[in-house]
Amino acid sequence: MDKTMRVVRKVLSGIIVAAGLCLAAAMLLPAAFGYHRYVITSGSMTGTYDRGSIVFDKAAPVSDLRTGDVITYTPPAGSGVDGLITHRIVSISDHGKEGVSYRTKGDANPDPDPWRFQLDQPTQAKAAFSIPYIGYGIAALSMLPIRMLIIGVPALLIAFALIARLWREAGEEAHRRNLAIIARHEEQPRATSAPTPAAQGGAIPS
């Protein structure tokens, strides 16, 4: 039983450590090379970037953008969409002095997005690569109960393992003490009672 529990603890510890290393690598390594990560939360890019995937973008000059590039941007005011979206450029129109406008489309959507927009910055976040489904883990880490669970479960396992070890060692120590007490009693000489001598004579009445 103890051997099985040790194996289970080692397996669980290995899984937790491996998962933590994977998440840490996904969060830290790309950032060191200038990539920004975005979690896909909708199904508009299903087939290319499934829901729960994490997309890594890198800043690219706006002048280098072409039709077919996937970018992460904020839709224009009045579009009805809040926050960032990651969609593919399907149209680039040069309006001369009025500038260049773009139109995007989700790969899983039947129609292009109903708005056009301009990019005011010299660079734009352009999708470089993705990791499927790991975004769920990163999104979960932003929730306090999940973080507490991830920290708490290993801590509880370690505590239970420590208590079980102390309990086992205490039991073994008590068993050794009992054996030592029994051994000491067995080594002591046993007291024996001497037989009562029989009467050698008696009074003879005269």
C-alpha atoms as a PDB file:
ATOM      1  CA  MET A   1       0.000   0.000   0.000  1.00  0.00           C
ATOM      2  CA  ASP A   2       2.792   2.415   0.954  1.00  0.00           C
ATOM      3  CA  LYS A   3       4.622   1.615  -2.266  1.00  0.00           C
ATOM      4  CA  THR A   4       1.475   2.286  -4.308  1.00  0.00           C
ATOM      5  CA  MET A   5       0.930   5.627  -2.558  1.00  0.00           C
ATOM      6  CA  ARG A   6       4.520   6.637  -3.238  1.00  0.00           C
ATOM      7  CA  VAL A   7       4.076   5.846  -6.926  1.00  0.00           C
ATOM      8  CA  VAL A   8       0.799   7.801  -7.056  1.00  0.00           C
ATOM      9  CA  ARG A   9       2.420  10.804  -5.358  1.00  0.00           C
ATOM     10  CA  LYS A  10       5.338  10.729  -7.780  1.00  0.00           C
ATOM     11  CA  VAL A  11       3.019  10.538 -10.796  1.00  0.00           C
ATOM     12  CA  LEU A  12       0.815  13.385  -9.545  1.00  0.00           C
ATOM     13  CA  SER A  13       3.839  15.500  -8.713  1.00  0.00           C
ATOM     14  CA  GLY A  14       5.296  14.848 -12.158  1.00  0.00           C
ATOM     15  CA  ILE A  15       2.044  15.829 -13.878  1.00  0.00           C
ATOM     16  CA  ILE A  16       1.727  19.032 -11.862  1.00  0.00           C
ATOM     17  CA  VAL A  17       5.350  20.009 -12.470  1.00  0.00           C
ATOM     18  CA  ALA A  18       5.094  19.252 -16.199  1.00  0.00           C
ATOM     19  CA  ALA A  19       1.879  21.273 -16.541  1.00  0.00           C
ATOM     20  CA  GLY A  20       3.418  24.166 -14.656  1.00  0.00           C
ATOM     21  CA  LEU A  21       6.538  24.123 -16.813  1.00  0.00           C
ATOM     22  CA  CYS A  22       4.470  24.050 -20.011  1.00  0.00           C
ATOM     23  CA  LEU A  23       2.363  27.011 -18.916  1.00  0.00           C
ATOM     24  CA  ALA A  24       5.425  28.913 -17.756  1.00  0.00           C
ATOM     25  CA  ALA A  25       7.188  28.262 -21.050  1.00  0.00           C
ATOM     26  CA  ALA A  26       4.116  29.342 -23.032  1.00  0.00           C
ATOM     27  CA  MET A  27       3.840  32.541 -21.031  1.00  0.00           C
ATOM     28  CA  LEU A  28       7.467  33.575 -20.649  1.00  0.00           C
ATOM     29  CA  LEU A  29       9.554  32.321 -23.571  1.00  0.00           C
ATOM     30  CA  PRO A  30       7.614  33.940 -26.460  1.00  0.00           C
ATOM     31  CA  ALA A  31       7.491  37.247 -24.569  1.00  0.00           C
ATOM     32  CA  ALA A  32      11.283  37.212 -24.355  1.00  0.00           C
ATOM     33  CA  PHE A  33      11.389  37.218 -28.163  1.00  0.00           C
ATOM     34  CA  GLY A  34       8.895  40.037 -28.615  1.00  0.00           C
ATOM     35  CA  TYR A  35       5.685  38.032 -29.052  1.00  0.00           C
ATOM     36  CA  HIS A  36       2.377  38.925 -27.438  1.00  0.00           C
ATOM     37  CA  ARG A  37      -0.176  36.266 -26.587  1.00  0.00           C
ATOM     38  CA  TYR A  38      -3.941  36.371 -27.074  1.00  0.00           C
ATOM     39  CA  VAL A  39      -6.480  33.753 -26.023  1.00  0.00           C
ATOM     40  CA  ILE A  40      -9.131  32.867 -28.629  1.00  0.00           C
ATOM     41  CA  THR A  41     -12.503  33.020 -26.856  1.00  0.00           C
ATOM     42  CA  SER A  42     -14.927  32.774 -29.784  1.00  0.00           C
ATOM     43  CA  GLY A  43     -15.461  30.351 -32.637  1.00  0.00           C
ATOM     44  CA  SER A  44     -15.079  32.821 -35.506  1.00  0.00           C
ATOM     45  CA  MET A  45     -11.647  31.436 -36.428  1.00  0.00           C
ATOM     46  CA  THR A  46     -12.455  27.755 -35.853  1.00  0.00           C
ATOM     47  CA  GLY A  47     -10.411  25.563 -38.149  1.00  0.00           C
ATOM     48  CA  THR A  48      -7.468  27.929 -38.000  1.00  0.00           C
ATOM     49  CA  TYR A  49      -7.469  28.916 -34.335  1.00  0.00           C
ATOM     50  CA  ASP A  50      -9.967  26.898 -32.335  1.00  0.00           C
ATOM     51  CA  ARG A  51     -11.633  28.260 -29.234  1.00  0.00           C
ATOM     52  CA  GLY A  52      -9.232  28.056 -26.298  1.00  0.00           C
ATOM     53  CA  SER A  53      -6.127  28.315 -28.468  1.00  0.00           C
ATOM     54  CA  ILE A  54      -3.470  30.866 -27.676  1.00  0.00           C
ATOM     55  CA  VAL A  55      -2.218  32.980 -30.584  1.00  0.00           C
ATOM     56  CA  PHE A  56       1.163  34.657 -30.521  1.00  0.00           C
ATOM     57  CA  ASP A  57       1.401  37.914 -32.431  1.00  0.00           C
ATOM     58  CA  LYS A  58       4.419  39.983 -33.307  1.00  0.00           C
ATOM     59  CA  ALA A  59       4.433  43.620 -34.298  1.00  0.00           C
ATOM     60  CA  ALA A  60       4.791  44.096 -38.063  1.00  0.00           C
ATOM     61  CA  PRO A  61       4.987  47.329 -40.072  1.00  0.00           C
ATOM     62  CA  VAL A  62       1.530  48.310 -41.264  1.00  0.00           C
ATOM     63  CA  SER A  63       2.967  48.911 -44.725  1.00  0.00           C
ATOM     64  CA  ASP A  64       3.903  45.204 -44.885  1.00  0.00           C
ATOM     65  CA  LEU A  65       0.381  43.907 -44.238  1.00  0.00           C
ATOM     66  CA  ARG A  66      -1.193  41.965 -47.076  1.00  0.00           C
ATOM     67  CA  THR A  67      -4.515  40.316 -47.807  1.00  0.00           C
ATOM     68  CA  GLY A  68      -4.575  36.969 -46.041  1.00  0.00           C
ATOM     69  CA  ASP A  69      -2.636  38.130 -42.985  1.00  0.00           C
ATOM     70  CA  VAL A  70      -4.255  37.481 -39.607  1.00  0.00           C
ATOM     71  CA  ILE A  71      -4.155  40.427 -37.226  1.00  0.00           C
ATOM     72  CA  THR A  72      -5.354  41.169 -33.711  1.00  0.00           C
ATOM     73  CA  TYR A  73      -6.979  44.574 -33.425  1.00  0.00           C
ATOM     74  CA  THR A  74      -9.721  46.598 -31.769  1.00  0.00           C
ATOM     75  CA  PRO A  75     -12.796  47.044 -34.025  1.00  0.00           C
ATOM     76  CA  PRO A  76     -13.885  50.634 -34.646  1.00  0.00           C
ATOM     77  CA  ALA A  77     -16.312  52.380 -32.314  1.00  0.00           C
ATOM     78  CA  GLY A  78     -19.890  51.632 -33.239  1.00  0.00           C
ATOM     79  CA  SER A  79     -19.086  48.144 -34.489  1.00  0.00           C
ATOM     80  CA  GLY A  80     -20.829  46.588 -31.505  1.00  0.00           C
ATOM     81  CA  VAL A  81     -17.768  44.526 -30.645  1.00  0.00           C
ATOM     82  CA  ASP A  82     -15.932  45.116 -27.388  1.00  0.00           C
ATOM     83  CA  GLY A  83     -12.305  44.182 -26.952  1.00  0.00           C
ATOM     84  CA  LEU A  84      -9.765  42.699 -29.322  1.00  0.00           C
ATOM     85  CA  ILE A  85     -10.510  40.278 -32.145  1.00  0.00           C
ATOM     86  CA  THR A  86      -8.217  38.114 -34.253  1.00  0.00           C
ATOM     87  CA  HIS A  87      -9.429  37.963 -37.874  1.00  0.00           C
ATOM     88  CA  ARG A  88      -7.991  37.637 -41.345  1.00  0.00           C
ATOM     89  CA  ILE A  89      -7.571  40.609 -43.690  1.00  0.00           C
ATOM     90  CA  VAL A  90      -9.722  40.063 -46.777  1.00  0.00           C
ATOM     91  CA  SER A  91      -9.584  43.532 -48.303  1.00  0.00           C
ATOM     92  CA  ILE A  92      -7.133  46.454 -48.350  1.00  0.00           C
ATOM     93  CA  SER A  93      -8.293  49.671 -50.010  1.00  0.00           C
ATOM     94  CA  ASP A  94      -6.104  52.690 -50.677  1.00  0.00           C
ATOM     95  CA  HIS A  95      -8.150  55.895 -50.516  1.00  0.00           C
ATOM     96  CA  GLY A  96      -5.311  58.236 -51.361  1.00  0.00           C
ATOM     97  CA  LYS A  97      -5.199  61.180 -48.993  1.00  0.00           C
ATOM     98  CA  GLU A  98      -7.823  59.580 -46.803  1.00  0.00           C
ATOM     99  CA  GLY A  99      -5.499  56.707 -46.089  1.00  0.00           C
ATOM    100  CA  VAL A 100      -5.780  52.931 -46.291  1.00  0.00           C
ATOM    101  CA  SER A 101      -8.751  50.988 -44.949  1.00  0.00           C
ATOM    102  CA  TYR A 102      -8.956  47.323 -44.075  1.00  0.00           C
ATOM    103  CA  ARG A 103     -11.674  44.735 -43.870  1.00  0.00           C
ATOM    104  CA  THR A 104     -11.424  41.447 -42.036  1.00  0.00           C
ATOM    105  CA  LYS A 105     -13.303  38.186 -41.747  1.00  0.00           C
ATOM    106  CA  GLY A 106     -13.343  35.265 -39.359  1.00  0.00           C
ATOM    107  CA  ASP A 107     -12.347  32.088 -41.181  1.00  0.00           C
ATOM    108  CA  ALA A 108     -15.436  30.302 -39.821  1.00  0.00           C
ATOM    109  CA  ASN A 109     -17.817  33.184 -40.576  1.00  0.00           C
ATOM    110  CA  PRO A 110     -19.790  33.131 -43.845  1.00  0.00           C
ATOM    111  CA  ASP A 111     -19.415  36.878 -44.471  1.00  0.00           C
ATOM    112  CA  PRO A 112     -16.756  39.542 -43.915  1.00  0.00           C
ATOM    113  CA  ASP A 113     -17.004  41.805 -40.897  1.00  0.00           C
ATOM    114  CA  PRO A 114     -19.503  44.628 -41.621  1.00  0.00           C
ATOM    115  CA  TRP A 115     -17.026  47.412 -40.871  1.00  0.00           C
ATOM    116  CA  ARG A 116     -13.935  48.930 -42.383  1.00  0.00           C
ATOM    117  CA  PHE A 117     -11.195  50.448 -40.280  1.00  0.00           C
ATOM    118  CA  GLN A 118      -7.864  52.197 -40.461  1.00  0.00           C
ATOM    119  CA  LEU A 119      -4.684  51.474 -38.546  1.00  0.00           C
ATOM    120  CA  ASP A 120      -3.233  54.607 -36.991  1.00  0.00           C
ATOM    121  CA  GLN A 121      -0.053  53.120 -35.557  1.00  0.00           C
ATOM    122  CA  PRO A 122       3.094  52.349 -37.575  1.00  0.00           C
ATOM    123  CA  THR A 123       3.036  48.717 -36.457  1.00  0.00           C
ATOM    124  CA  GLN A 124       0.276  46.148 -36.047  1.00  0.00           C
ATOM    125  CA  ALA A 125       0.040  42.857 -34.134  1.00  0.00           C
ATOM    126  CA  LYS A 126       0.193  40.070 -36.721  1.00  0.00           C
ATOM    127  CA  ALA A 127      -0.383  36.400 -35.904  1.00  0.00           C
ATOM    128  CA  ALA A 128       2.775  34.315 -36.082  1.00  0.00           C
ATOM    129  CA  PHE A 129       1.877  30.950 -34.539  1.00  0.00           C
ATOM    130  CA  SER A 130      -0.523  29.355 -32.080  1.00  0.00           C
ATOM    131  CA  ILE A 131      -0.802  26.589 -29.501  1.00  0.00           C
ATOM    132  CA  PRO A 132      -4.191  24.852 -29.401  1.00  0.00           C
ATOM    133  CA  TYR A 133      -6.267  24.776 -26.209  1.00  0.00           C
ATOM    134  CA  ILE A 134      -3.527  25.916 -23.850  1.00  0.00           C
ATOM    135  CA  GLY A 135      -5.326  29.226 -23.644  1.00  0.00           C
ATOM    136  CA  TYR A 136      -7.861  27.603 -21.344  1.00  0.00           C
ATOM    137  CA  GLY A 137      -5.117  27.025 -18.802  1.00  0.00           C
ATOM    138  CA  ILE A 138      -3.803  30.578 -19.025  1.00  0.00           C
ATOM    139  CA  ALA A 139      -7.319  32.001 -18.809  1.00  0.00           C
ATOM    140  CA  ALA A 140      -8.009  29.805 -15.777  1.00  0.00           C
ATOM    141  CA  LEU A 141      -4.900  31.108 -14.029  1.00  0.00           C
ATOM    142  CA  SER A 142      -6.422  34.591 -14.093  1.00  0.00           C
ATOM    143  CA  MET A 143      -9.166  33.322 -11.744  1.00  0.00           C
ATOM    144  CA  LEU A 144      -8.282  33.472  -8.052  1.00  0.00           C
ATOM    145  CA  PRO A 145     -10.114  30.237  -7.065  1.00  0.00           C
ATOM    146  CA  ILE A 146      -8.233  28.306  -9.760  1.00  0.00           C
ATOM    147  CA  ARG A 147      -4.886  29.701  -8.641  1.00  0.00           C
ATOM    148  CA  MET A 148      -5.690  28.794  -5.050  1.00  0.00           C
ATOM    149  CA  LEU A 149      -6.701  25.287  -6.149  1.00  0.00           C
ATOM    150  CA  ILE A 150      -3.498  24.780  -8.140  1.00  0.00           C
ATOM    151  CA  ILE A 151      -1.415  25.911  -5.195  1.00  0.00           C
ATOM    152  CA  GLY A 152      -3.558  24.231  -2.553  1.00  0.00           C
ATOM    153  CA  VAL A 153      -3.833  20.732  -4.011  1.00  0.00           C
ATOM    154  CA  PRO A 154      -0.061  20.073  -4.175  1.00  0.00           C
ATOM    155  CA  ALA A 155       0.313  21.605  -0.723  1.00  0.00           C
ATOM    156  CA  LEU A 156      -2.372  19.277   0.665  1.00  0.00           C
ATOM    157  CA  LEU A 157      -0.768  16.265  -1.015  1.00  0.00           C
ATOM    158  CA  ILE A 158       2.582  17.155   0.508  1.00  0.00           C
ATOM    159  CA  ALA A 159       0.974  17.694   3.917  1.00  0.00           C
ATOM    160  CA  PHE A 160      -0.869  14.354   3.755  1.00  0.00           C
ATOM    161  CA  ALA A 161       2.307  12.591   2.668  1.00  0.00           C
ATOM    162  CA  LEU A 162       4.243  14.175   5.544  1.00  0.00           C
ATOM    163  CA  ILE A 163       1.557  13.279   8.093  1.00  0.00           C
ATOM    164  CA  ALA A 164       1.400   9.702   6.784  1.00  0.00           C
ATOM    165  CA  ARG A 165       5.184   9.423   7.018  1.00  0.00           C
ATOM    166  CA  LEU A 166       5.271  10.790  10.567  1.00  0.00           C
ATOM    167  CA  TRP A 167       2.401   8.487  11.551  1.00  0.00           C
ATOM    168  CA  ARG A 168       4.197   5.477  10.085  1.00  0.00           C
ATOM    169  CA  GLU A 169       7.497   6.380  11.757  1.00  0.00           C
ATOM    170  CA  ALA A 170       5.739   6.908  15.093  1.00  0.00           C
ATOM    171  CA  GLY A 171       4.089   3.492  14.774  1.00  0.00           C
ATOM    172  CA  GLU A 172       7.396   1.846  13.925  1.00  0.00           C
ATOM    173  CA  GLU A 173       9.085   3.550  16.882  1.00  0.00           C
ATOM    174  CA  ALA A 174       6.328   2.425  19.259  1.00  0.00           C
ATOM    175  CA  HIS A 175       6.629  -1.119  17.910  1.00  0.00           C
ATOM    176  CA  ARG A 176      10.408  -1.104  18.491  1.00  0.00           C
ATOM    177  CA  ARG A 177       9.914   0.144  22.039  1.00  0.00           C
ATOM    178  CA  ASN A 178       7.393  -2.593  22.767  1.00  0.00           C
ATOM    179  CA  LEU A 179       9.772  -5.233  21.447  1.00  0.00           C
ATOM    180  CA  ALA A 180      12.571  -3.818  23.592  1.00  0.00           C
ATOM    181  CA  ILE A 181      10.373  -3.911  26.715  1.00  0.00           C
ATOM    182  CA  ILE A 182       9.358  -7.514  25.987  1.00  0.00           C
ATOM    183  CA  ALA A 183      13.004  -8.492  25.454  1.00  0.00           C
ATOM    184  CA  ARG A 184      14.061  -6.945  28.782  1.00  0.00           C
ATOM    185  CA  HIS A 185      11.336  -8.799  30.643  1.00  0.00           C
ATOM    186  CA  GLU A 186      12.363 -12.077  29.058  1.00  0.00           C
ATOM    187  CA  GLU A 187      16.014 -11.540  30.112  1.00  0.00           C
ATOM    188  CA  GLN A 188      15.177 -11.037  33.812  1.00  0.00           C
ATOM    189  CA  PRO A 189      15.587 -14.245  35.997  1.00  0.00           C
ATOM    190  CA  ARG A 190      12.352 -15.711  37.102  1.00  0.00           C
ATOM    191  CA  ALA A 191      11.824 -15.945  40.907  1.00  0.00           C
ATOM    192  CA  THR A 192      11.214 -19.522  42.162  1.00  0.00           C
ATOM    193  CA  SER A 193       9.818 -20.523  45.541  1.00  0.00           C
ATOM    194  CA  ALA A 194      11.763 -23.149  47.655  1.00  0.00           C
ATOM    195  CA  PRO A 195       9.792 -26.271  48.651  1.00  0.00           C
ATOM    196  CA  THR A 196       8.600 -26.453  52.278  1.00  0.00           C
ATOM    197  CA  PRO A 197      10.574 -29.189  54.139  1.00  0.00           C
ATOM    198  CA  ALA A 198       8.558 -32.086  55.523  1.00  0.00           C
ATOM    199  CA  ALA A 199       8.417 -32.670  59.315  1.00  0.00           C
ATOM    200  CA  GLN A 200      11.153 -35.096  60.460  1.00  0.00           C
ATOM    201  CA  GLY A 201       9.472 -36.204  63.630  1.00  0.00           C
ATOM    202  CA  GLY A 202       6.488 -35.775  65.799  1.00  0.00           C
ATOM    203  CA  ALA A 203       5.493 -35.609  69.374  1.00  0.00           C
ATOM    204  CA  ILE A 204       4.729 -39.020  70.856  1.00  0.00           C
ATOM    205  CA  PRO A 205       2.222 -38.902  73.587  1.00  0.00           C
ATOM    206  CA  SER A 206       3.415 -40.473  76.804  1.00  0.00           C
END
